Amino acid sequence: MGNEVTLQEGHPVDENKRPLKVGGEATALEVAKSGKGVRVRGDLEVTGESRGLHFLPLTGGVMQGTTSDLDIEVVASIFTIDCSGQIFLEMGSGGVFKLINNIGVYAEFGGTSGANTTLKLYEEGGATEDDYLELKTATYGNSTITTVDAA
């Protein structure tokens, strides 16, 4: 006979997330009533296709966790972010956002407090990273437009 599957200390399924127990041992999976969520304490590995996967609740929320690197890869011919309000991309001080394609980096932007904010557009859709147009904005809106032909 297999291991008995129960919830934490015999509680019924309700709106509170409770650890799933197998053979009397708590697992990393916590469950609640339908619509109230599931929590995985630890790593989650999904193999095969995942359908209807939402990282954030549709009504808002925060994906939390601590990691040095987090890669989320979406393989699709069309990927749309649709928002009726604002979209925020937040990084640490000195970070740079890079837009890439199958050729390479074709644009990047970033800046730090007290330094220039910079936008770079690379030639030929990212074919090289040493030839680009650069737009910098500094204190009081002082701006420069530079072309760099380092090849």
N, C-alpha and C. Protein backbone atom coordinates (compact mmCIF):
# COMPACT_ATOMS: atom_id res chain seq x y z
N MET A 1 0.85 -1.19 0.00
CA MET A 1 0.00 0.00 0.00
C MET A 1 0.89 1.25 0.00
N GLY A 2 0.48 2.29 -0.71
CA GLY A 2 1.23 3.53 -0.81
C GLY A 2 1.13 4.37 0.45
N ASN A 3 1.86 5.45 0.47
CA ASN A 3 1.83 6.37 1.60
C ASN A 3 0.52 7.15 1.63
N GLU A 4 -0.01 7.38 2.82
CA GLU A 4 -1.22 8.18 2.98
C GLU A 4 -0.89 9.64 2.73
N VAL A 5 -1.76 10.34 1.99
CA VAL A 5 -1.59 11.76 1.69
C VAL A 5 -2.61 12.54 2.52
N THR A 6 -2.12 13.47 3.36
CA THR A 6 -3.00 14.28 4.22
C THR A 6 -2.51 15.71 4.22
N LEU A 7 -3.27 16.58 4.88
CA LEU A 7 -2.83 17.95 5.11
C LEU A 7 -2.24 18.05 6.51
N GLN A 8 -1.59 19.18 6.78
CA GLN A 8 -0.96 19.44 8.06
C GLN A 8 -1.91 19.14 9.21
N GLU A 9 -1.50 18.27 10.09
CA GLU A 9 -2.21 17.94 11.33
C GLU A 9 -3.72 17.75 11.16
N GLY A 10 -4.15 17.17 10.04
CA GLY A 10 -5.54 16.81 9.86
C GLY A 10 -6.50 17.96 9.59
N HIS A 11 -6.01 19.17 9.30
CA HIS A 11 -6.89 20.28 9.00
C HIS A 11 -7.63 20.02 7.68
N PRO A 12 -8.86 20.49 7.57
CA PRO A 12 -9.57 20.35 6.29
C PRO A 12 -9.00 21.35 5.27
N VAL A 13 -9.29 21.09 4.01
CA VAL A 13 -8.88 22.03 2.96
C VAL A 13 -9.73 23.28 3.12
N ASP A 14 -9.11 24.45 3.31
CA ASP A 14 -9.82 25.72 3.42
C ASP A 14 -8.99 26.80 2.73
N GLU A 15 -9.23 28.08 3.06
CA GLU A 15 -8.53 29.18 2.39
C GLU A 15 -7.08 29.34 2.85
N ASN A 16 -6.66 28.62 3.87
CA ASN A 16 -5.29 28.70 4.38
C ASN A 16 -4.40 27.65 3.70
N LYS A 17 -3.25 28.09 3.26
CA LYS A 17 -2.30 27.16 2.68
C LYS A 17 -1.72 26.29 3.79
N ARG A 18 -1.73 24.97 3.56
CA ARG A 18 -1.19 24.03 4.55
C ARG A 18 -0.32 23.01 3.84
N PRO A 19 0.77 22.57 4.51
CA PRO A 19 1.67 21.60 3.88
C PRO A 19 0.97 20.28 3.59
N LEU A 20 1.25 19.75 2.43
CA LEU A 20 0.80 18.42 2.06
C LEU A 20 1.74 17.43 2.72
N LYS A 21 1.18 16.41 3.38
CA LYS A 21 2.01 15.43 4.07
C LYS A 21 1.87 14.09 3.36
N VAL A 22 3.00 13.43 3.19
CA VAL A 22 3.01 12.09 2.60
C VAL A 22 3.69 11.17 3.59
N GLY A 23 2.97 10.13 3.99
CA GLY A 23 3.52 9.20 4.97
C GLY A 23 3.87 9.87 6.27
N GLY A 24 3.13 10.91 6.65
CA GLY A 24 3.35 11.62 7.90
C GLY A 24 4.42 12.70 7.84
N GLU A 25 5.09 12.85 6.71
CA GLU A 25 6.15 13.85 6.55
C GLU A 25 5.64 15.02 5.70
N ALA A 26 5.88 16.26 6.18
CA ALA A 26 5.49 17.46 5.43
C ALA A 26 6.34 17.57 4.17
N THR A 27 5.72 17.95 3.07
CA THR A 27 6.43 18.15 1.81
C THR A 27 6.65 19.64 1.58
N ALA A 28 7.30 19.99 0.48
CA ALA A 28 7.54 21.39 0.11
C ALA A 28 6.31 22.03 -0.51
N LEU A 29 5.25 21.26 -0.72
CA LEU A 29 4.05 21.74 -1.39
C LEU A 29 2.97 22.10 -0.37
N GLU A 30 2.46 23.34 -0.45
CA GLU A 30 1.36 23.78 0.39
C GLU A 30 0.17 24.05 -0.51
N VAL A 31 -1.01 23.63 -0.08
CA VAL A 31 -2.22 23.79 -0.89
C VAL A 31 -3.33 24.42 -0.07
N ALA A 32 -4.29 25.02 -0.79
CA ALA A 32 -5.49 25.59 -0.18
C ALA A 32 -6.65 25.33 -1.13
N LYS A 33 -7.84 25.78 -0.75
CA LYS A 33 -9.01 25.63 -1.62
C LYS A 33 -8.73 26.21 -3.00
N SER A 34 -9.47 25.73 -3.95
CA SER A 34 -9.34 26.22 -5.33
C SER A 34 -9.43 27.73 -5.36
N GLY A 35 -8.51 28.37 -6.07
CA GLY A 35 -8.50 29.82 -6.18
C GLY A 35 -7.73 30.51 -5.08
N LYS A 36 -7.32 29.77 -4.05
CA LYS A 36 -6.59 30.38 -2.93
C LYS A 36 -5.09 30.14 -3.02
N GLY A 37 -4.66 29.34 -3.97
CA GLY A 37 -3.24 29.26 -4.24
C GLY A 37 -2.53 27.99 -3.81
N VAL A 38 -1.33 27.87 -4.33
CA VAL A 38 -0.41 26.80 -4.02
C VAL A 38 0.95 27.44 -3.80
N ARG A 39 1.71 26.93 -2.86
CA ARG A 39 3.06 27.46 -2.60
C ARG A 39 4.03 26.28 -2.64
N VAL A 40 5.16 26.50 -3.28
CA VAL A 40 6.23 25.51 -3.28
C VAL A 40 7.39 26.12 -2.50
N ARG A 41 7.79 25.48 -1.45
CA ARG A 41 8.93 25.94 -0.65
C ARG A 41 10.16 25.20 -1.15
N GLY A 42 10.97 25.91 -1.92
CA GLY A 42 12.15 25.29 -2.53
C GLY A 42 12.08 25.46 -4.03
N ASP A 43 12.86 24.68 -4.75
CA ASP A 43 12.93 24.78 -6.20
C ASP A 43 11.70 24.16 -6.85
N LEU A 44 11.31 24.71 -7.98
CA LEU A 44 10.21 24.16 -8.77
C LEU A 44 10.76 23.87 -10.16
N GLU A 45 10.65 22.64 -10.58
CA GLU A 45 11.09 22.27 -11.92
C GLU A 45 9.88 21.79 -12.69
N VAL A 46 9.66 22.41 -13.85
CA VAL A 46 8.54 22.03 -14.70
C VAL A 46 9.13 21.44 -15.97
N THR A 47 8.74 20.23 -16.31
CA THR A 47 9.18 19.63 -17.55
C THR A 47 7.97 19.50 -18.45
N GLY A 48 8.18 19.62 -19.74
CA GLY A 48 7.06 19.59 -20.66
C GLY A 48 6.42 20.96 -20.74
N GLU A 49 5.22 21.00 -21.28
CA GLU A 49 4.52 22.26 -21.46
C GLU A 49 3.78 22.66 -20.19
N SER A 50 3.74 23.96 -19.91
CA SER A 50 2.91 24.47 -18.83
C SER A 50 1.91 25.42 -19.44
N ARG A 51 0.68 25.24 -19.14
CA ARG A 51 -0.38 26.05 -19.74
C ARG A 51 -1.08 26.85 -18.65
N GLY A 52 -1.42 28.10 -18.98
CA GLY A 52 -2.12 28.94 -18.02
C GLY A 52 -1.27 29.31 -16.83
N LEU A 53 0.04 29.36 -17.00
CA LEU A 53 0.95 29.69 -15.91
C LEU A 53 1.03 31.20 -15.75
N HIS A 54 0.73 31.70 -14.57
CA HIS A 54 0.80 33.13 -14.27
C HIS A 54 1.79 33.31 -13.13
N PHE A 55 2.78 34.19 -13.32
CA PHE A 55 3.73 34.45 -12.26
C PHE A 55 3.14 35.35 -11.19
N LEU A 56 2.22 36.23 -11.57
CA LEU A 56 1.61 37.16 -10.63
C LEU A 56 0.10 37.02 -10.70
N PRO A 57 -0.60 37.20 -9.59
CA PRO A 57 -2.06 37.18 -9.67
C PRO A 57 -2.56 38.29 -10.60
N LEU A 58 -3.66 38.04 -11.29
CA LEU A 58 -4.18 39.04 -12.22
C LEU A 58 -4.58 40.32 -11.50
N THR A 59 -4.88 40.24 -10.22
CA THR A 59 -5.28 41.43 -9.47
C THR A 59 -4.10 42.17 -8.87
N GLY A 60 -2.88 41.72 -9.13
CA GLY A 60 -1.69 42.37 -8.60
C GLY A 60 -0.97 41.48 -7.63
N GLY A 61 0.24 41.83 -7.31
CA GLY A 61 1.01 41.04 -6.37
C GLY A 61 2.47 41.15 -6.65
N VAL A 62 3.25 40.39 -5.93
CA VAL A 62 4.70 40.45 -6.06
C VAL A 62 5.24 39.03 -6.12
N MET A 63 6.10 38.77 -7.09
CA MET A 63 6.83 37.51 -7.12
C MET A 63 8.05 37.73 -6.25
N GLN A 64 8.13 37.01 -5.13
CA GLN A 64 9.19 37.27 -4.17
C GLN A 64 10.18 36.12 -4.14
N GLY A 65 11.36 36.44 -3.70
CA GLY A 65 12.38 35.43 -3.55
C GLY A 65 13.74 36.08 -3.57
N THR A 66 14.74 35.33 -3.18
CA THR A 66 16.10 35.83 -3.19
C THR A 66 16.92 34.90 -4.05
N THR A 67 17.56 35.46 -5.04
CA THR A 67 18.41 34.67 -5.91
C THR A 67 19.45 35.58 -6.53
N SER A 68 20.61 35.05 -6.82
CA SER A 68 21.62 35.87 -7.48
C SER A 68 21.31 36.01 -8.96
N ASP A 69 20.71 35.01 -9.55
CA ASP A 69 20.32 35.05 -10.96
C ASP A 69 18.95 34.42 -11.10
N LEU A 70 18.12 35.03 -11.90
CA LEU A 70 16.81 34.47 -12.19
C LEU A 70 16.59 34.60 -13.69
N ASP A 71 16.50 33.49 -14.36
CA ASP A 71 16.24 33.47 -15.79
C ASP A 71 14.85 32.92 -16.02
N ILE A 72 14.02 33.70 -16.68
CA ILE A 72 12.70 33.24 -17.09
C ILE A 72 12.70 33.26 -18.60
N GLU A 73 12.54 32.10 -19.20
CA GLU A 73 12.58 32.01 -20.64
C GLU A 73 11.19 31.64 -21.14
N VAL A 74 10.69 32.43 -22.08
CA VAL A 74 9.41 32.15 -22.72
C VAL A 74 9.71 31.85 -24.18
N VAL A 75 9.35 30.67 -24.61
CA VAL A 75 9.58 30.29 -26.00
C VAL A 75 8.22 30.38 -26.70
N ALA A 76 8.09 31.39 -27.56
CA ALA A 76 6.84 31.60 -28.27
C ALA A 76 7.12 32.44 -29.50
N SER A 77 6.26 32.34 -30.49
CA SER A 77 6.44 33.18 -31.67
C SER A 77 5.94 34.60 -31.40
N ILE A 78 5.01 34.76 -30.46
CA ILE A 78 4.52 36.07 -30.05
C ILE A 78 4.40 36.06 -28.53
N PHE A 79 4.97 37.07 -27.89
CA PHE A 79 4.87 37.21 -26.44
C PHE A 79 4.41 38.63 -26.16
N THR A 80 3.27 38.80 -25.55
CA THR A 80 2.68 40.10 -25.33
C THR A 80 2.56 40.39 -23.83
N ILE A 81 2.97 41.57 -23.44
CA ILE A 81 2.70 42.06 -22.09
C ILE A 81 1.65 43.14 -22.26
N ASP A 82 0.48 42.91 -21.73
CA ASP A 82 -0.65 43.81 -21.91
C ASP A 82 -1.03 44.37 -20.54
N CYS A 83 -0.95 45.67 -20.40
CA CYS A 83 -1.21 46.29 -19.11
C CYS A 83 -1.99 47.58 -19.34
N SER A 84 -3.06 47.78 -18.58
CA SER A 84 -3.85 49.00 -18.74
C SER A 84 -3.25 50.17 -17.97
N GLY A 85 -2.25 49.89 -17.16
CA GLY A 85 -1.59 50.94 -16.37
C GLY A 85 -0.13 51.08 -16.77
N GLN A 86 0.74 51.10 -15.78
CA GLN A 86 2.16 51.29 -16.01
C GLN A 86 2.89 49.95 -15.88
N ILE A 87 4.01 49.82 -16.59
CA ILE A 87 4.88 48.66 -16.46
C ILE A 87 6.20 49.15 -15.92
N PHE A 88 6.68 48.52 -14.86
CA PHE A 88 7.94 48.91 -14.24
C PHE A 88 8.95 47.79 -14.41
N LEU A 89 10.16 48.15 -14.84
CA LEU A 89 11.29 47.23 -14.86
C LEU A 89 12.31 47.84 -13.92
N GLU A 90 12.63 47.16 -12.84
CA GLU A 90 13.49 47.75 -11.82
C GLU A 90 14.77 46.95 -11.69
N MET A 91 15.89 47.67 -11.59
CA MET A 91 17.18 47.02 -11.43
C MET A 91 17.96 47.73 -10.34
N GLY A 92 19.04 47.12 -9.92
CA GLY A 92 19.92 47.74 -8.93
C GLY A 92 20.71 48.87 -9.54
N SER A 93 21.34 49.66 -8.70
CA SER A 93 22.14 50.79 -9.14
C SER A 93 23.23 50.32 -10.10
N GLY A 94 23.36 51.01 -11.21
CA GLY A 94 24.39 50.66 -12.19
C GLY A 94 23.98 49.60 -13.17
N GLY A 95 22.77 49.10 -13.06
CA GLY A 95 22.31 48.05 -13.96
C GLY A 95 22.03 48.58 -15.36
N VAL A 96 22.01 47.67 -16.30
CA VAL A 96 21.75 48.03 -17.70
C VAL A 96 20.72 47.05 -18.25
N PHE A 97 19.70 47.58 -18.91
CA PHE A 97 18.74 46.74 -19.63
C PHE A 97 19.27 46.54 -21.03
N LYS A 98 19.28 45.30 -21.48
CA LYS A 98 19.74 45.00 -22.83
C LYS A 98 18.60 44.34 -23.60
N LEU A 99 18.40 44.81 -24.81
CA LEU A 99 17.43 44.21 -25.71
C LEU A 99 18.22 43.40 -26.74
N ILE A 100 17.93 42.11 -26.82
CA ILE A 100 18.70 41.25 -27.69
C ILE A 100 17.78 40.54 -28.69
N ASN A 101 18.39 40.08 -29.76
CA ASN A 101 17.70 39.24 -30.73
C ASN A 101 18.63 38.08 -31.07
N ASN A 102 18.33 37.36 -32.14
CA ASN A 102 19.16 36.21 -32.46
C ASN A 102 20.53 36.59 -33.01
N ILE A 103 20.77 37.88 -33.26
CA ILE A 103 22.06 38.36 -33.76
C ILE A 103 22.94 38.80 -32.59
N GLY A 104 22.38 39.53 -31.65
CA GLY A 104 23.13 40.04 -30.52
C GLY A 104 22.37 41.16 -29.83
N VAL A 105 23.09 41.99 -29.08
CA VAL A 105 22.48 43.14 -28.39
C VAL A 105 22.23 44.22 -29.42
N TYR A 106 20.98 44.69 -29.54
CA TYR A 106 20.70 45.76 -30.49
C TYR A 106 20.39 47.08 -29.80
N ALA A 107 20.12 47.06 -28.49
CA ALA A 107 19.90 48.30 -27.75
C ALA A 107 20.14 48.03 -26.27
N GLU A 108 20.57 49.07 -25.56
CA GLU A 108 20.70 48.97 -24.11
C GLU A 108 20.48 50.34 -23.50
N PHE A 109 19.96 50.35 -22.28
CA PHE A 109 19.77 51.61 -21.59
C PHE A 109 19.92 51.39 -20.10
N GLY A 110 20.35 52.47 -19.43
CA GLY A 110 20.54 52.39 -18.00
C GLY A 110 21.18 53.65 -17.47
N GLY A 111 21.49 53.64 -16.20
CA GLY A 111 22.12 54.79 -15.56
C GLY A 111 22.14 54.61 -14.08
N THR A 112 22.88 55.47 -13.41
CA THR A 112 22.96 55.42 -11.95
C THR A 112 22.68 56.80 -11.39
N SER A 113 22.33 56.85 -10.14
CA SER A 113 22.10 58.12 -9.48
C SER A 113 23.38 58.93 -9.51
N GLY A 114 23.30 60.18 -9.94
CA GLY A 114 24.47 61.05 -9.99
C GLY A 114 25.32 60.87 -11.24
N ALA A 115 24.88 60.04 -12.16
CA ALA A 115 25.64 59.81 -13.40
C ALA A 115 24.71 59.96 -14.60
N ASN A 116 25.27 59.78 -15.77
CA ASN A 116 24.49 59.89 -17.00
C ASN A 116 23.47 58.77 -17.13
N THR A 117 22.37 59.09 -17.77
CA THR A 117 21.45 58.07 -18.24
C THR A 117 21.80 57.88 -19.71
N THR A 118 21.96 56.63 -20.12
CA THR A 118 22.49 56.35 -21.44
C THR A 118 21.58 55.40 -22.21
N LEU A 119 21.41 55.68 -23.51
CA LEU A 119 20.72 54.80 -24.45
C LEU A 119 21.68 54.54 -25.60
N LYS A 120 21.92 53.27 -25.90
CA LYS A 120 22.78 52.90 -27.03
C LYS A 120 21.96 52.07 -28.01
N LEU A 121 22.12 52.40 -29.30
CA LEU A 121 21.50 51.62 -30.37
C LEU A 121 22.63 51.10 -31.25
N TYR A 122 22.74 49.79 -31.36
CA TYR A 122 23.84 49.17 -32.09
C TYR A 122 23.49 48.99 -33.56
N GLU A 123 24.54 49.05 -34.41
CA GLU A 123 24.33 48.97 -35.85
C GLU A 123 23.80 47.60 -36.28
N GLU A 124 23.10 47.62 -37.38
CA GLU A 124 22.61 46.40 -38.04
C GLU A 124 21.91 45.45 -37.08
N GLY A 125 21.07 46.00 -36.23
CA GLY A 125 20.27 45.16 -35.33
C GLY A 125 21.07 44.30 -34.38
N GLY A 126 22.27 44.75 -34.02
CA GLY A 126 23.08 44.02 -33.06
C GLY A 126 24.19 43.20 -33.67
N ALA A 127 24.47 43.42 -34.95
CA ALA A 127 25.53 42.64 -35.61
C ALA A 127 26.89 42.87 -34.96
N THR A 128 27.11 44.08 -34.43
CA THR A 128 28.35 44.36 -33.70
C THR A 128 28.02 45.20 -32.47
N GLU A 129 28.89 45.13 -31.47
CA GLU A 129 28.69 45.95 -30.27
C GLU A 129 29.73 47.07 -30.19
N ASP A 130 30.53 47.26 -31.24
CA ASP A 130 31.53 48.32 -31.20
C ASP A 130 31.16 49.51 -32.09
N ASP A 131 30.06 49.44 -32.82
CA ASP A 131 29.56 50.56 -33.62
C ASP A 131 28.14 50.85 -33.16
N TYR A 132 27.90 52.09 -32.68
CA TYR A 132 26.59 52.40 -32.12
C TYR A 132 26.34 53.90 -32.06
N LEU A 133 25.08 54.24 -31.84
CA LEU A 133 24.66 55.61 -31.55
C LEU A 133 24.40 55.66 -30.05
N GLU A 134 24.88 56.72 -29.40
CA GLU A 134 24.71 56.84 -27.96
C GLU A 134 24.08 58.18 -27.63
N LEU A 135 23.04 58.13 -26.81
CA LEU A 135 22.38 59.34 -26.31
C LEU A 135 22.57 59.35 -24.80
N LYS A 136 23.18 60.43 -24.28
CA LYS A 136 23.41 60.57 -22.84
C LYS A 136 22.68 61.81 -22.33
N THR A 137 22.08 61.68 -21.17
CA THR A 137 21.47 62.82 -20.51
C THR A 137 22.06 62.92 -19.11
N ALA A 138 22.56 64.10 -18.77
CA ALA A 138 23.22 64.30 -17.49
C ALA A 138 22.46 65.34 -16.67
N THR A 139 23.12 65.92 -15.67
CA THR A 139 22.53 66.91 -14.78
C THR A 139 21.94 68.08 -15.58
N TYR A 140 20.80 68.56 -15.14
CA TYR A 140 20.07 69.68 -15.75
C TYR A 140 19.64 69.38 -17.19
N GLY A 141 19.59 68.11 -17.54
CA GLY A 141 19.16 67.75 -18.89
C GLY A 141 20.23 67.91 -19.95
N ASN A 142 21.47 68.22 -19.55
CA ASN A 142 22.56 68.31 -20.53
C ASN A 142 22.64 67.00 -21.29
N SER A 143 22.55 67.08 -22.61
CA SER A 143 22.48 65.88 -23.43
C SER A 143 23.51 65.89 -24.55
N THR A 144 23.98 64.69 -24.87
CA THR A 144 24.90 64.55 -26.00
C THR A 144 24.45 63.37 -26.85
N ILE A 145 24.63 63.52 -28.14
CA ILE A 145 24.39 62.42 -29.08
C ILE A 145 25.73 62.14 -29.74
N THR A 146 26.16 60.88 -29.67
CA THR A 146 27.47 60.49 -30.18
C THR A 146 27.32 59.28 -31.07
N THR A 147 28.07 59.22 -32.17
CA THR A 147 28.16 57.99 -32.92
C THR A 147 29.55 57.43 -32.70
N VAL A 148 29.63 56.14 -32.49
CA VAL A 148 30.90 55.48 -32.22
C VAL A 148 31.14 54.45 -33.32
N ASP A 149 32.27 54.59 -34.01
CA ASP A 149 32.67 53.64 -35.04
C ASP A 149 34.02 53.10 -34.62
N ALA A 150 33.98 52.13 -33.71
CA ALA A 150 35.21 51.59 -33.14
C ALA A 150 35.78 50.45 -33.96
N ALA A 151 35.06 50.00 -34.99
CA ALA A 151 35.57 48.91 -35.81
C ALA A 151 36.66 49.46 -36.68
